[in-house]
C-alpha atoms as a PDB file:
ATOM      1  CA  MET A   1     133.893 190.995 109.218  1.00  0.00           C
ATOM      2  CA  SER A   2     130.782 192.415 110.635  1.00  0.00           C
ATOM      3  CA  ARG A   3     130.685 193.754 114.119  1.00  0.00           C
ATOM      4  CA  ILE A   4     128.658 190.775 115.482  1.00  0.00           C
ATOM      5  CA  LYS A   5     131.348 188.357 114.053  1.00  0.00           C
ATOM      6  CA  THR A   6     134.123 190.411 115.631  1.00  0.00           C
ATOM      7  CA  CYS A   7     132.189 190.557 119.036  1.00  0.00           C
ATOM      8  CA  PHE A   8     131.928 186.826 119.114  1.00  0.00           C
ATOM      9  CA  ALA A   9     135.321 186.005 118.115  1.00  0.00           C
ATOM     10  CA  ASN A  10     136.640 188.377 120.931  1.00  0.00           C
ATOM     11  CA  LEU A  11     134.295 186.731 123.538  1.00  0.00           C
ATOM     12  CA  LYS A  12     135.527 183.182 122.285  1.00  0.00           C
ATOM     13  CA  GLN A  13     139.281 184.358 122.759  1.00  0.00           C
ATOM     14  CA  THR A  14     138.577 185.259 126.317  1.00  0.00           C
ATOM     15  CA  GLY A  15     136.257 182.371 127.184  1.00  0.00           C
ATOM     16  CA  LYS A  16     133.169 184.643 127.816  1.00  0.00           C
ATOM     17  CA  LYS A  17     129.680 184.431 126.657  1.00  0.00           C
ATOM     18  CA  ALA A  18     127.735 187.444 124.978  1.00  0.00           C
ATOM     19  CA  LEU A  19     125.045 189.136 126.955  1.00  0.00           C
ATOM     20  CA  ILE A  20     122.292 190.725 124.607  1.00  0.00           C
ATOM     21  CA  PRO A  21     119.844 192.890 126.409  1.00  0.00           C
ATOM     22  CA  TYR A  22     116.543 193.972 124.637  1.00  0.00           C
ATOM     23  CA  ILE A  23     114.838 197.237 124.895  1.00  0.00           C
ATOM     24  CA  THR A  24     112.005 198.728 122.734  1.00  0.00           C
ATOM     25  CA  ALA A  25     113.228 201.762 121.140  1.00  0.00           C
ATOM     26  CA  GLY A  26     111.072 204.793 122.212  1.00  0.00           C
ATOM     27  CA  ASP A  27     110.088 203.302 125.407  1.00  0.00           C
ATOM     28  CA  PRO A  28     109.389 204.748 127.724  1.00  0.00           C
ATOM     29  CA  HIS A  29     110.112 207.964 125.858  1.00  0.00           C
ATOM     30  CA  PRO A  30     112.159 208.514 122.736  1.00  0.00           C
ATOM     31  CA  LYS A  31     114.555 210.990 124.687  1.00  0.00           C
ATOM     32  CA  HIS A  32     115.766 207.890 126.904  1.00  0.00           C
ATOM     33  CA  THR A  33     116.776 205.425 124.130  1.00  0.00           C
ATOM     34  CA  ILE A  34     120.171 206.564 123.341  1.00  0.00           C
ATOM     35  CA  ASP A  35     121.146 207.090 127.126  1.00  0.00           C
ATOM     36  CA  LEU A  36     119.722 203.535 127.846  1.00  0.00           C
ATOM     37  CA  MET A  37     121.705 201.993 125.066  1.00  0.00           C
ATOM     38  CA  HIS A  38     124.920 203.589 126.340  1.00  0.00           C
ATOM     39  CA  ALA A  39     124.150 202.691 129.959  1.00  0.00           C
ATOM     40  CA  MET A  40     123.713 199.085 128.953  1.00  0.00           C
ATOM     41  CA  VAL A  41     126.957 198.830 127.205  1.00  0.00           C
ATOM     42  CA  LYS A  42     128.807 200.436 130.259  1.00  0.00           C
ATOM     43  CA  ALA A  43     127.128 197.885 132.429  1.00  0.00           C
ATOM     44  CA  GLY A  44     128.206 195.064 130.276  1.00  0.00           C
ATOM     45  CA  ALA A  45     126.267 194.370 127.350  1.00  0.00           C
ATOM     46  CA  ASP A  46     127.919 192.961 124.442  1.00  0.00           C
ATOM     47  CA  ILE A  47     125.316 193.241 121.725  1.00  0.00           C
ATOM     48  CA  ILE A  48     122.205 195.507 121.938  1.00  0.00           C
ATOM     49  CA  GLU A  49     118.883 194.161 120.521  1.00  0.00           C
ATOM     50  CA  LEU A  50     116.521 197.197 119.882  1.00  0.00           C
ATOM     51  CA  GLY A  51     113.010 196.449 119.168  1.00  0.00           C
ATOM     52  CA  VAL A  52     111.072 198.263 116.450  1.00  0.00           C
ATOM     53  CA  PRO A  53     107.719 199.217 117.914  1.00  0.00           C
ATOM     54  CA  PHE A  54     104.945 197.695 115.939  1.00  0.00           C
ATOM     55  CA  SER A  55     101.078 197.800 116.534  1.00  0.00           C
ATOM     56  CA  ASP A  56     100.478 194.099 115.852  1.00  0.00           C
ATOM     57  CA  PRO A  57     103.241 192.011 117.233  1.00  0.00           C
ATOM     58  CA  MET A  58     102.908 188.126 117.005  1.00  0.00           C
ATOM     59  CA  ALA A  59     105.872 186.894 119.137  1.00  0.00           C
ATOM     60  CA  ASP A  60     105.764 189.553 121.898  1.00  0.00           C
ATOM     61  CA  GLY A  61     104.187 188.988 125.138  1.00  0.00           C
ATOM     62  CA  PRO A  62     102.319 191.571 127.217  1.00  0.00           C
ATOM     63  CA  VAL A  63     105.307 193.276 128.595  1.00  0.00           C
ATOM     64  CA  ILE A  64     106.872 194.065 125.283  1.00  0.00           C
ATOM     65  CA  GLN A  65     103.565 194.678 123.764  1.00  0.00           C
ATOM     66  CA  ARG A  66     102.991 197.546 126.359  1.00  0.00           C
ATOM     67  CA  ALA A  67     106.445 198.895 125.567  1.00  0.00           C
ATOM     68  CA  SER A  68     105.461 199.177 121.772  1.00  0.00           C
ATOM     69  CA  GLU A  69     102.308 200.957 122.880  1.00  0.00           C
ATOM     70  CA  ARG A  70     104.307 203.522 124.756  1.00  0.00           C
ATOM     71  CA  ALA A  71     106.700 204.052 122.041  1.00  0.00           C
ATOM     72  CA  LEU A  72     103.896 204.414 119.487  1.00  0.00           C
ATOM     73  CA  VAL A  73     102.068 207.012 121.300  1.00  0.00           C
ATOM     74  CA  HIS A  74     105.185 209.295 120.674  1.00  0.00           C
ATOM     75  CA  LYS A  75     105.203 208.355 117.048  1.00  0.00           C
ATOM     76  CA  VAL A  76     108.352 206.076 117.243  1.00  0.00           C
ATOM     77  CA  GLY A  77     108.670 203.990 113.902  1.00  0.00           C
ATOM     78  CA  LEU A  78     111.275 202.364 111.821  1.00  0.00           C
ATOM     79  CA  ARG A  79     112.708 205.626 110.776  1.00  0.00           C
ATOM     80  CA  SER A  80     113.023 206.774 114.301  1.00  0.00           C
ATOM     81  CA  VAL A  81     114.880 203.609 115.215  1.00  0.00           C
ATOM     82  CA  LEU A  82     117.111 203.939 112.333  1.00  0.00           C
ATOM     83  CA  GLY A  83     117.956 207.573 113.696  1.00  0.00           C
ATOM     84  CA  PHE A  84     118.606 206.179 117.316  1.00  0.00           C
ATOM     85  CA  VAL A  85     120.965 203.899 115.913  1.00  0.00           C
ATOM     86  CA  LYS A  86     122.680 206.490 113.935  1.00  0.00           C
ATOM     87  CA  GLU A  87     123.149 208.829 116.766  1.00  0.00           C
ATOM     88  CA  PHE A  88     124.361 205.904 119.071  1.00  0.00           C
ATOM     89  CA  ARG A  89     127.059 205.333 116.545  1.00  0.00           C
ATOM     90  CA  THR A  90     128.451 208.941 116.997  1.00  0.00           C
ATOM     91  CA  GLN A  91     129.764 207.752 120.431  1.00  0.00           C
ATOM     92  CA  ASN A  92     130.056 204.038 119.988  1.00  0.00           C
ATOM     93  CA  ALA A  93     131.479 202.470 116.814  1.00  0.00           C
ATOM     94  CA  ILE A  94     132.189 199.065 118.428  1.00  0.00           C
ATOM     95  CA  THR A  95     128.947 197.595 120.174  1.00  0.00           C
ATOM     96  CA  PRO A  96     126.773 195.620 117.728  1.00  0.00           C
ATOM     97  CA  VAL A  97     123.204 196.669 117.306  1.00  0.00           C
ATOM     98  CA  VAL A  98     120.621 194.025 116.133  1.00  0.00           C
ATOM     99  CA  LEU A  99     117.098 195.490 115.126  1.00  0.00           C
ATOM    100  CA  MET A 100     114.165 193.046 116.003  1.00  0.00           C
ATOM    101  CA  GLY A 101     110.662 193.795 114.486  1.00  0.00           C
ATOM    102  CA  TYR A 102     108.270 192.731 111.796  1.00  0.00           C
ATOM    103  CA  ALA A 103     107.987 192.751 108.127  1.00  0.00           C
ATOM    104  CA  ASN A 104     105.360 195.285 107.610  1.00  0.00           C
ATOM    105  CA  PRO A 105     107.369 198.485 108.346  1.00  0.00           C
ATOM    106  CA  ILE A 106     110.193 197.258 106.115  1.00  0.00           C
ATOM    107  CA  GLU A 107     107.945 196.403 103.310  1.00  0.00           C
ATOM    108  CA  ALA A 108     106.299 199.829 103.752  1.00  0.00           C
ATOM    109  CA  MET A 109     109.652 201.433 103.628  1.00  0.00           C
ATOM    110  CA  GLY A 110     110.929 199.165 100.695  1.00  0.00           C
ATOM    111  CA  VAL A 111     113.243 196.325 101.455  1.00  0.00           C
ATOM    112  CA  GLU A 112     116.272 197.889  99.505  1.00  0.00           C
ATOM    113  CA  LYS A 113     115.818 201.209 100.942  1.00  0.00           C
ATOM    114  CA  PHE A 114     115.579 199.820 104.303  1.00  0.00           C
ATOM    115  CA  ALA A 115     118.803 197.874 103.841  1.00  0.00           C
ATOM    116  CA  ASP A 116     120.588 201.221 102.480  1.00  0.00           C
ATOM    117  CA  MET A 117     119.339 203.142 105.604  1.00  0.00           C
ATOM    118  CA  ALA A 118     120.235 200.373 108.093  1.00  0.00           C
ATOM    119  CA  GLN A 119     123.785 200.258 106.577  1.00  0.00           C
ATOM    120  CA  SER A 120     124.082 204.018 106.702  1.00  0.00           C
ATOM    121  CA  ALA A 121     122.853 204.330 110.393  1.00  0.00           C
ATOM    122  CA  GLY A 122     125.128 201.554 111.492  1.00  0.00           C
ATOM    123  CA  VAL A 123     122.935 198.426 112.060  1.00  0.00           C
ATOM    124  CA  ASP A 124     124.702 195.188 112.293  1.00  0.00           C
ATOM    125  CA  GLY A 125     121.941 192.528 112.317  1.00  0.00           C
ATOM    126  CA  VAL A 126     118.214 192.440 111.547  1.00  0.00           C
ATOM    127  CA  LEU A 127     115.834 189.849 113.104  1.00  0.00           C
ATOM    128  CA  THR A 128     112.436 189.984 111.337  1.00  0.00           C
ATOM    129  CA  VAL A 129     110.238 187.564 113.106  1.00  0.00           C
ATOM    130  CA  ASP A 130     107.719 187.025 110.294  1.00  0.00           C
ATOM    131  CA  TYR A 131     110.110 186.816 107.285  1.00  0.00           C
ATOM    132  CA  PRO A 132     110.496 182.994 106.811  1.00  0.00           C
ATOM    133  CA  PRO A 133     113.836 182.136 105.309  1.00  0.00           C
ATOM    134  CA  GLU A 134     112.236 180.253 102.366  1.00  0.00           C
ATOM    135  CA  GLU A 135     110.730 183.871 101.215  1.00  0.00           C
ATOM    136  CA  SER A 136     113.707 185.845 102.495  1.00  0.00           C
ATOM    137  CA  VAL A 137     116.435 185.029  99.885  1.00  0.00           C
ATOM    138  CA  ASP A 138     116.396 188.597  98.174  1.00  0.00           C
ATOM    139  CA  PHE A 139     116.235 190.427 101.426  1.00  0.00           C
ATOM    140  CA  VAL A 140     119.074 188.223 102.998  1.00  0.00           C
ATOM    141  CA  THR A 141     121.047 189.050  99.976  1.00  0.00           C
ATOM    142  CA  LEU A 142     120.428 192.765 100.163  1.00  0.00           C
ATOM    143  CA  LEU A 143     121.536 192.733 103.937  1.00  0.00           C
ATOM    144  CA  LYS A 144     124.704 190.492 103.422  1.00  0.00           C
ATOM    145  CA  ALA A 145     125.829 192.827 100.477  1.00  0.00           C
ATOM    146  CA  ARG A 146     125.722 195.683 103.157  1.00  0.00           C
ATOM    147  CA  ASP A 147     127.747 193.533 105.617  1.00  0.00           C
ATOM    148  CA  ILE A 148     124.502 193.322 107.788  1.00  0.00           C
ATOM    149  CA  ASP A 149     123.680 189.915 109.381  1.00  0.00           C
ATOM    150  CA  PRO A 150     120.330 188.428 108.965  1.00  0.00           C
ATOM    151  CA  ILE A 151     119.279 186.714 112.368  1.00  0.00           C
ATOM    152  CA  PHE A 152     116.725 183.881 112.295  1.00  0.00           C
ATOM    153  CA  LEU A 153     114.662 182.299 115.003  1.00  0.00           C
ATOM    154  CA  LEU A 154     114.745 178.664 115.760  1.00  0.00           C
ATOM    155  CA  SER A 155     112.041 177.147 118.166  1.00  0.00           C
ATOM    156  CA  PRO A 156     111.494 173.982 120.010  1.00  0.00           C
ATOM    157  CA  THR A 157     109.158 172.969 117.262  1.00  0.00           C
ATOM    158  CA  THR A 158     111.586 173.546 114.362  1.00  0.00           C
ATOM    159  CA  GLU A 159     111.879 170.495 112.308  1.00  0.00           C
ATOM    160  CA  PRO A 160     115.544 169.226 111.780  1.00  0.00           C
ATOM    161  CA  SER A 161     115.236 169.740 108.019  1.00  0.00           C
ATOM    162  CA  ARG A 162     114.160 173.126 108.324  1.00  0.00           C
ATOM    163  CA  ILE A 163     117.054 173.882 110.768  1.00  0.00           C
ATOM    164  CA  ASP A 164     119.317 173.404 107.689  1.00  0.00           C
ATOM    165  CA  THR A 165     117.473 175.914 105.551  1.00  0.00           C
ATOM    166  CA  ILE A 166     117.580 178.352 108.416  1.00  0.00           C
ATOM    167  CA  VAL A 167     121.219 178.342 109.179  1.00  0.00           C
ATOM    168  CA  HIS A 168     122.223 178.279 105.596  1.00  0.00           C
ATOM    169  CA  GLN A 169     120.446 181.784 105.278  1.00  0.00           C
ATOM    170  CA  ALA A 170     121.614 182.947 108.644  1.00  0.00           C
ATOM    171  CA  SER A 171     124.754 184.922 109.688  1.00  0.00           C
ATOM    172  CA  GLY A 172     126.069 186.468 112.738  1.00  0.00           C
ATOM    173  CA  PHE A 173     124.458 184.113 115.056  1.00  0.00           C
ATOM    174  CA  VAL A 174     120.980 182.089 115.240  1.00  0.00           C
ATOM    175  CA  TYR A 175     118.556 182.709 118.129  1.00  0.00           C
ATOM    176  CA  TYR A 176     117.000 179.777 119.719  1.00  0.00           C
ATOM    177  CA  VAL A 177     113.616 180.518 121.184  1.00  0.00           C
ATOM    178  CA  SER A 178     113.859 178.484 124.471  1.00  0.00           C
ATOM    179  CA  LEU A 179     110.116 177.806 125.252  1.00  0.00           C
ATOM    180  CA  LYS A 180     107.014 177.698 123.231  1.00  0.00           C
ATOM    181  CA  GLY A 181     104.949 180.676 123.157  1.00  0.00           C
ATOM    182  CA  VAL A 182     105.566 184.484 123.317  1.00  0.00           C
ATOM    183  CA  THR A 183     108.271 186.377 124.858  1.00  0.00           C
ATOM    184  CA  GLY A 184     108.427 186.140 128.668  1.00  0.00           C
ATOM    185  CA  ALA A 185     106.109 183.199 128.849  1.00  0.00           C
ATOM    186  CA  GLY A 186     106.603 180.078 131.076  1.00  0.00           C
ATOM    187  CA  ASN A 187     109.690 178.587 132.720  1.00  0.00           C
ATOM    188  CA  LEU A 188     112.748 176.996 131.191  1.00  0.00           C
ATOM    189  CA  ASP A 189     113.456 173.476 130.882  1.00  0.00           C
ATOM    190  CA  ILE A 190     117.228 173.602 130.933  1.00  0.00           C
ATOM    191  CA  ALA A 191     117.809 169.989 129.928  1.00  0.00           C
ATOM    192  CA  GLU A 192     115.521 170.353 127.015  1.00  0.00           C
ATOM    193  CA  VAL A 193     117.125 173.666 125.949  1.00  0.00           C
ATOM    194  CA  ALA A 194     120.719 171.976 126.154  1.00  0.00           C
ATOM    195  CA  ASP A 195     119.573 169.019 124.035  1.00  0.00           C
ATOM    196  CA  ARG A 196     118.164 171.464 121.422  1.00  0.00           C
ATOM    197  CA  VAL A 197     121.176 173.667 121.320  1.00  0.00           C
ATOM    198  CA  ALA A 198     123.361 170.586 120.990  1.00  0.00           C
ATOM    199  CA  ALA A 199     121.240 169.388 118.108  1.00  0.00           C
ATOM    200  CA  ILE A 200     121.481 172.835 116.448  1.00  0.00           C
ATOM    201  CA  ARG A 201     125.425 172.980 116.731  1.00  0.00           C
ATOM    202  CA  LEU A 202     125.563 169.733 114.710  1.00  0.00           C
ATOM    203  CA  LYS A 203     124.096 171.764 111.733  1.00  0.00           C
ATOM    204  CA  THR A 204     126.085 175.084 112.102  1.00  0.00           C
ATOM    205  CA  ASP A 205     129.259 176.731 113.408  1.00  0.00           C
ATOM    206  CA  LEU A 206     127.340 179.851 113.926  1.00  0.00           C
ATOM    207  CA  PRO A 207     127.118 181.209 117.578  1.00  0.00           C
ATOM    208  CA  ILE A 208     123.773 180.185 119.202  1.00  0.00           C
ATOM    209  CA  GLY A 209     121.852 182.757 121.336  1.00  0.00           C
ATOM    210  CA  VAL A 210     118.990 181.710 123.619  1.00  0.00           C
ATOM    211  CA  GLY A 211     116.110 183.906 124.840  1.00  0.00           C
ATOM    212  CA  PHE A 212     112.530 184.283 125.352  1.00  0.00           C
ATOM    213  CA  GLY A 213     112.491 182.761 129.059  1.00  0.00           C
ATOM    214  CA  VAL A 214     115.647 184.311 130.848  1.00  0.00           C
ATOM    215  CA  ARG A 215     113.995 185.928 133.802  1.00  0.00           C
ATOM    216  CA  ASP A 216     116.919 186.457 136.123  1.00  0.00           C
ATOM    217  CA  ALA A 217     120.768 186.173 136.906  1.00  0.00           C
ATOM    218  CA  ALA A 218     120.432 182.564 137.912  1.00  0.00           C
ATOM    219  CA  THR A 219     118.632 181.435 134.738  1.00  0.00           C
ATOM    220  CA  ALA A 220     121.116 183.600 132.669  1.00  0.00           C
ATOM    221  CA  LYS A 221     124.001 181.594 134.330  1.00  0.00           C
ATOM    222  CA  LEU A 222     122.447 178.336 133.311  1.00  0.00           C
ATOM    223  CA  VAL A 223     121.703 179.389 129.814  1.00  0.00           C
ATOM    224  CA  GLY A 224     125.096 180.846 129.398  1.00  0.00           C
ATOM    225  CA  LYS A 225     126.399 177.227 130.304  1.00  0.00           C
ATOM    226  CA  ILE A 226     124.916 175.843 127.169  1.00  0.00           C
ATOM    227  CA  ALA A 227     124.723 178.685 124.732  1.00  0.00           C
ATOM    228  CA  ASP A 228     127.074 181.262 123.215  1.00  0.00           C
ATOM    229  CA  ALA A 229     124.826 184.352 124.146  1.00  0.00           C
ATOM    230  CA  VAL A 230     122.195 185.160 126.632  1.00  0.00           C
ATOM    231  CA  VAL A 231     119.394 187.134 125.260  1.00  0.00           C
ATOM    232  CA  VAL A 232     117.192 188.939 127.965  1.00  0.00           C
ATOM    233  CA  GLY A 233     114.080 190.737 126.646  1.00  0.00           C
ATOM    234  CA  SER A 234     111.009 190.890 128.715  1.00  0.00           C
ATOM    235  CA  ARG A 235     112.889 191.168 132.025  1.00  0.00           C
ATOM    236  CA  MET A 236     114.702 194.145 130.685  1.00  0.00           C
ATOM    237  CA  VAL A 237     111.615 195.827 129.742  1.00  0.00           C
ATOM    238  CA  GLN A 238     110.061 195.160 132.986  1.00  0.00           C
ATOM    239  CA  ALA A 239     113.004 197.242 134.515  1.00  0.00           C
ATOM    240  CA  VAL A 240     111.975 200.237 132.098  1.00  0.00           C
ATOM    241  CA  GLU A 241     108.186 199.782 132.835  1.00  0.00           C
ATOM    242  CA  GLN A 242     108.715 199.829 136.565  1.00  0.00           C
ATOM    243  CA  SER A 243     111.290 202.793 136.793  1.00  0.00           C
ATOM    244  CA  THR A 244     110.632 206.432 136.962  1.00  0.00           C
ATOM    245  CA  GLU A 245     112.471 209.042 134.986  1.00  0.00           C
ATOM    246  CA  ASP A 246     114.845 209.564 137.891  1.00  0.00           C
ATOM    247  CA  ASN A 247     115.781 206.058 138.385  1.00  0.00           C
ATOM    248  CA  LEU A 248     115.480 204.483 134.888  1.00  0.00           C
ATOM    249  CA  LEU A 249     119.185 204.404 134.060  1.00  0.00           C
ATOM    250  CA  GLU A 250     120.144 203.122 137.265  1.00  0.00           C
ATOM    251  CA  ASN A 251     117.683 200.334 137.307  1.00  0.00           C
ATOM    252  CA  VAL A 252     118.420 199.101 133.836  1.00  0.00           C
ATOM    253  CA  SER A 253     122.291 199.373 134.419  1.00  0.00           C
ATOM    254  CA  THR A 254     122.005 197.442 137.814  1.00  0.00           C
ATOM    255  CA  LEU A 255     120.186 194.714 136.001  1.00  0.00           C
ATOM    256  CA  VAL A 256     122.527 194.367 133.258  1.00  0.00           C
ATOM    257  CA  ALA A 257     125.293 194.423 135.605  1.00  0.00           C
ATOM    258  CA  GLU A 258     123.767 191.487 137.684  1.00  0.00           C
ATOM    259  CA  LEU A 259     123.300 189.474 134.509  1.00  0.00           C
ATOM    260  CA  ARG A 260     126.879 190.149 133.449  1.00  0.00           C
ATOM    261  CA  ARG A 261     128.432 188.966 136.736  1.00  0.00           C
ATOM    262  CA  ALA A 262     126.284 185.860 136.637  1.00  0.00           C
ATOM    263  CA  ILE A 263     127.316 184.904 133.065  1.00  0.00           C
ATOM    264  CA  ASP A 264     130.980 185.706 134.015  1.00  0.00           C
ATOM    265  CA  GLU A 265     130.825 183.270 136.772  1.00  0.00           C
ATOM    266  CA  ILE A 266     130.604 180.311 134.280  1.00  0.00           C
END
C-alpha cells in the first residue's frame, strides 16, 4: 500500500481530513525547501504537494508563477526537485510527497527514467497537469508498477462520462479543482463544490481532495466538511513570498497550524 493510501486510511480511522499544503520547490531559495517541508509536517500537514518549477505553466495563477520564476533563477529543475525529496526522506519516511508539474520536464528526462528516479527518491504521487488521462495509459502503468500514485484533476466543467475515464486511471486520491480558472482565482461557491464532490463520489471510492480556491482557515473548514482533503496552494506560496529569511519558517508553520486547527474543528 502506498504512503498516500496509508495516510488516508489512518485519517479515516480517526475521523480526520487530510491537509495538503503546496509549495514550489526552490522558492524562495533551494536552501529553504527541505526545512519548509519538515516545518509543514510538524505544523500539521498530512501530505506535501511539491511544485516542479516550470517556465510556461498553464494552470498556475500569478502567485505560483512568480514562485516558479524565483526558483528557476536558481536553476531548480526536475532533477533538483527529486533531490529534495530524497533528502527529505532521510528524516521522514512517512509523510507522502506528491509532485505537481507539467509534462515537458518529464518528457525531456524520459518517462521511464523519471518513474525510476521518482521511485528511488521516495515520491508517492505525481500530478501532471497537461497529461490527459486518455494519453497517459503507459505513463500511469509505469508509475503504478513502482507504487507511485497518478493523481488527476477534475474540474467544474468535466463531463460525467469523462469522470469515469479519469477515476479509472487515478489512484491515491483525485483532485477536484473547485473553480474555473487558474490557482488562486475567484471565490468558492461551496454549495456548487458540494454538489460536484457528491457526484464524483458516485463514480469512485478514492478520496477526494479539493483545492485551487482555499484562501484561509474558514474556507478550509468549509471545504473539509465535504471533501476528504483540503489542498492549499496559492495562499501557502503567498506566505513564502511575503516572508523574510528570518521569519519564513515561522510564518509558513503558523499558516499550516491555523489551517490544521480549522479542519480539525469539523
